Amino acid sequence: MKILHTADWHLGKRLDSFSRMDEQLLVMEEIIQLADQQEVDLVLIAGDLLIRSIPV
């Protein structure tokens, strides 16, 4: 079984007034592509997924 482990995405995190959502979406796409290419069976996200309960 292949497992891809990631952690602490902090979706919704901003740098002052600058949203990082565009770059976060690009990284998620990369993770999906990597999981497909490597034929990963499970993607494990540990740590903080969101920066707060509702992403900005």
C-alpha atoms as a PDB file:
ATOM      1  CA  MET A   1       0.000   0.000   0.000  1.00  0.00           C
ATOM      2  CA  LYS A   2       1.322   3.443  -0.954  1.00  0.00           C
ATOM      3  CA  ILE A   3       0.535   6.360   1.355  1.00  0.00           C
ATOM      4  CA  LEU A   4       1.177  10.019   0.556  1.00  0.00           C
ATOM      5  CA  HIS A   5       1.464  11.949   3.826  1.00  0.00           C
ATOM      6  CA  THR A   6       0.986  15.713   3.929  1.00  0.00           C
ATOM      7  CA  ALA A   7       0.402  18.066   6.839  1.00  0.00           C
ATOM      8  CA  ASP A   8      -0.500  21.544   7.979  1.00  0.00           C
ATOM      9  CA  TRP A   9      -2.090  22.940   4.845  1.00  0.00           C
ATOM     10  CA  HIS A  10      -3.578  25.950   6.689  1.00  0.00           C
ATOM     11  CA  LEU A  11      -6.091  26.608   3.909  1.00  0.00           C
ATOM     12  CA  GLY A  12      -7.431  30.144   4.115  1.00  0.00           C
ATOM     13  CA  LYS A  13      -4.224  31.624   5.534  1.00  0.00           C
ATOM     14  CA  ARG A  14      -3.546  35.160   4.366  1.00  0.00           C
ATOM     15  CA  LEU A  15      -0.414  37.300   4.365  1.00  0.00           C
ATOM     16  CA  ASP A  16      -1.783  40.602   5.636  1.00  0.00           C
ATOM     17  CA  SER A  17      -4.485  41.332   3.025  1.00  0.00           C
ATOM     18  CA  PHE A  18      -3.020  38.969   0.398  1.00  0.00           C
ATOM     19  CA  SER A  19      -4.938  35.744  -0.183  1.00  0.00           C
ATOM     20  CA  ARG A  20      -2.857  32.609  -0.759  1.00  0.00           C
ATOM     21  CA  MET A  21      -5.803  30.572  -2.067  1.00  0.00           C
ATOM     22  CA  ASP A  22      -4.578  30.554  -5.699  1.00  0.00           C
ATOM     23  CA  GLU A  23      -1.203  29.073  -4.764  1.00  0.00           C
ATOM     24  CA  GLN A  24      -2.874  26.654  -2.351  1.00  0.00           C
ATOM     25  CA  LEU A  25      -5.109  25.398  -5.172  1.00  0.00           C
ATOM     26  CA  LEU A  26      -2.037  24.887  -7.369  1.00  0.00           C
ATOM     27  CA  VAL A  27      -0.322  22.851  -4.663  1.00  0.00           C
ATOM     28  CA  MET A  28      -3.439  20.708  -4.213  1.00  0.00           C
ATOM     29  CA  GLU A  29      -3.423  20.041  -7.971  1.00  0.00           C
ATOM     30  CA  GLU A  30       0.246  18.997  -7.714  1.00  0.00           C
ATOM     31  CA  ILE A  31      -0.572  16.630  -4.866  1.00  0.00           C
ATOM     32  CA  ILE A  32      -3.385  15.077  -6.929  1.00  0.00           C
ATOM     33  CA  GLN A  33      -1.072  14.648  -9.927  1.00  0.00           C
ATOM     34  CA  LEU A  34       1.654  13.110  -7.765  1.00  0.00           C
ATOM     35  CA  ALA A  35      -0.822  10.719  -6.152  1.00  0.00           C
ATOM     36  CA  ASP A  36      -2.065   9.659  -9.609  1.00  0.00           C
ATOM     37  CA  GLN A  37       1.441   9.275 -11.059  1.00  0.00           C
ATOM     38  CA  GLN A  38       2.668   7.250  -8.076  1.00  0.00           C
ATOM     39  CA  GLU A  39      -0.556   5.215  -7.894  1.00  0.00           C
ATOM     40  CA  VAL A  40      -1.061   6.199  -4.264  1.00  0.00           C
ATOM     41  CA  ASP A  41      -3.693   4.245  -2.353  1.00  0.00           C
ATOM     42  CA  LEU A  42      -4.217   6.756   0.444  1.00  0.00           C
ATOM     43  CA  VAL A  43      -3.577  10.470   0.900  1.00  0.00           C
ATOM     44  CA  LEU A  44      -3.191  11.273   4.597  1.00  0.00           C
ATOM     45  CA  ILE A  45      -3.560  14.891   5.691  1.00  0.00           C
ATOM     46  CA  ALA A  46      -2.296  15.379   9.246  1.00  0.00           C
ATOM     47  CA  GLY A  47      -2.146  18.576  11.220  1.00  0.00           C
ATOM     48  CA  ASP A  48      -4.138  21.715  10.536  1.00  0.00           C
ATOM     49  CA  LEU A  49      -6.130  21.581   7.317  1.00  0.00           C
ATOM     50  CA  LEU A  50      -7.763  24.988   7.803  1.00  0.00           C
ATOM     51  CA  ILE A  51      -6.410  28.172   9.354  1.00  0.00           C
ATOM     52  CA  ARG A  52      -9.783  28.623  11.078  1.00  0.00           C
ATOM     53  CA  SER A  53     -13.117  26.848  11.075  1.00  0.00           C
ATOM     54  CA  ILE A  54     -14.266  28.570   7.847  1.00  0.00           C
ATOM     55  CA  PRO A  55     -11.626  29.357   5.170  1.00  0.00           C
ATOM     56  CA  VAL A  56     -11.545  32.866   3.710  1.00  0.00           C
END
